[in-house]
Structures are given as structure tokens and as C-alpha cells.
Protein backbone atom coordinates (compact mmCIF):
# COMPACT_ATOMS: atom_id res chain seq x y z
CA MET A 1 13.93 -2.53 6.23
CA ALA A 2 11.21 0.06 5.76
CA LYS A 3 11.13 3.06 8.06
CA GLU A 4 8.50 3.06 10.79
CA TYR A 5 6.72 6.32 11.55
CA THR A 6 5.21 7.28 14.89
CA GLU A 7 1.46 7.72 15.12
CA VAL A 8 0.15 11.13 14.08
CA HIS A 9 -2.05 12.90 16.62
CA GLN A 10 -4.36 15.82 15.93
CA ASP A 11 -2.36 18.16 18.17
CA ASP A 12 0.77 17.51 16.05
CA PHE A 13 -0.55 20.07 13.55
CA MET A 14 -0.57 22.83 16.15
CA LYS A 15 2.89 22.33 17.67
CA PHE A 16 5.73 24.76 17.23
CA GLY A 17 9.31 23.85 18.04
CA GLY A 18 10.47 20.71 19.76
CA GLU A 19 10.66 17.35 18.05
CA ARG A 20 9.76 17.16 14.36
CA PRO A 21 6.27 15.67 14.00
CA SER A 22 6.10 12.42 12.05
CA TYR A 23 3.59 13.78 9.52
CA LEU A 24 6.41 15.90 8.08
CA ASP A 25 8.53 12.77 7.59
CA ILE A 26 5.54 11.07 5.96
CA GLU A 27 5.14 14.04 3.61
CA ASP A 28 8.85 13.78 2.74
CA GLU A 29 8.44 10.08 1.96
CA LEU A 30 5.40 10.77 -0.24
CA MET A 31 7.38 13.39 -2.14
CA SER A 32 10.21 10.90 -2.62
CA LEU A 33 7.87 8.11 -3.80
CA GLY A 34 6.28 10.53 -6.24
CA GLY A 35 9.57 11.62 -7.75
CA HIS A 36 10.22 14.91 -5.92
CA GLY A 37 9.47 18.32 -7.47
CA VAL A 38 6.10 18.86 -9.12
CA ALA A 39 5.48 15.14 -9.58
CA GLY A 40 6.23 14.46 -5.91
CA SER A 41 3.93 17.24 -4.79
CA ALA A 42 1.14 15.95 -7.02
CA PHE A 43 1.57 12.42 -5.66
CA LYS A 44 1.53 13.66 -2.05
CA LYS A 45 -1.76 15.44 -2.74
CA GLU A 46 -3.21 12.37 -4.47
CA ALA A 47 -2.15 10.02 -1.67
CA LEU A 48 -3.63 12.26 1.01
CA LYS A 49 -6.93 12.41 -0.89
CA LEU A 50 -6.96 8.61 -1.28
CA ALA A 51 -6.33 8.34 2.47
CA GLY A 52 -9.33 10.52 3.28
CA TRP A 53 -8.04 14.10 3.40
CA THR A 54 -10.88 16.40 2.37
CA GLY A 55 -9.15 19.77 2.50
CA GLY A 56 -8.45 21.93 -0.50
CA ALA A 57 -5.35 23.84 -1.50
CA LEU A 58 -6.01 26.58 1.06
CA THR A 59 -7.00 24.29 3.93
CA THR A 60 -4.34 23.67 6.58
CA TYR A 61 -4.06 20.42 8.48
CA ALA A 62 -4.68 22.41 11.69
CA GLN A 63 -8.10 23.46 10.36
CA ARG A 64 -9.15 19.77 10.14
CA PRO A 65 -6.80 18.01 12.55
CA VAL A 66 -8.88 14.85 13.06
CA VAL A 67 -9.28 14.24 9.31
CA ALA A 68 -5.60 15.03 8.73
CA ALA A 69 -4.40 12.69 11.49
CA ASP A 70 -6.62 9.87 10.19
CA ALA A 71 -5.30 10.33 6.64
CA PHE A 72 -1.65 10.44 7.71
CA ASN A 73 -2.08 7.38 9.94
CA LYS A 74 -3.60 5.41 7.08
CA ILE A 75 -0.60 6.32 4.93
CA ARG A 76 1.74 5.58 7.87
CA LYS A 77 0.41 2.02 8.04
CA GLY A 78 0.94 1.49 4.32
CA LEU A 79 4.40 2.95 3.83
CA PRO A 80 6.34 0.04 5.40
CA GLN A 81 4.51 -2.38 3.09
CA VAL A 82 5.20 -0.63 -0.22
CA SER A 83 8.17 0.30 -2.38
CA SER A 84 6.53 2.43 -5.06
CA ALA A 85 3.89 5.08 -5.59
CA ASP A 86 1.68 2.58 -7.42
CA GLU A 87 1.85 0.13 -4.52
CA LEU A 88 0.87 2.87 -2.07
CA ARG A 89 -2.05 3.85 -4.33
CA ASP A 90 -3.21 0.23 -4.33
CA PHE A 91 -2.87 0.04 -0.54
CA LEU A 92 -4.90 3.23 -0.05
CA LYS A 93 -7.56 1.98 -2.45
CA GLY A 94 -7.75 -1.25 -0.45
CA SER A 95 -6.17 -3.48 -3.10
CA ILE A 96 -3.26 -4.62 -0.90
């Protein structure tokens, strides 16, 4: 059974300490789907862009928390339905 992730909220990007926010688990899953290392990092960036993230390499999620939360929640909804990077791409493009 696919892992379920809790909803990402904009204030998750500004929290320190406490429970690990789900967006970090989602990032880990994106890295795994992409093949870890450089390939995983590139896939994570691609998936976030497909989901609506508009920030660049120097933009933190905390600088655009609403956009970041929306992008992560779109990915969060797709992850339980896919088993590969290509399937997630299709989901984010609206093909699934």
C-alpha cells in the first residue's frame, strides 16, 4: 500500500523543531522515484515545477509558502497513485 502524506500547510516551511513536516517526506519520495543522487534531485526539481512551484534555485519555500504548499499538496495527492517517476509526471501533467 502506498504511503499517505499529511497535508502541507504554508506555515510548515517556517517551523523549527518538533514533528518533521510532511513536505520533507515528500521530497524524500521524489528523490527516491528519481533515482537518488543527481538524478533524484533533478526529478524533484522537475516534479515541483510541474506541480506549480515557481521559485528558482535561490528561492526558499518560506519565501513563497502558498505556492510551495499548493505544489507539494498536488504531488501529495499523486504519490499514492503512482509507482514510477514517469507516472508521477503524467499525473502532474493531468494525463492520469
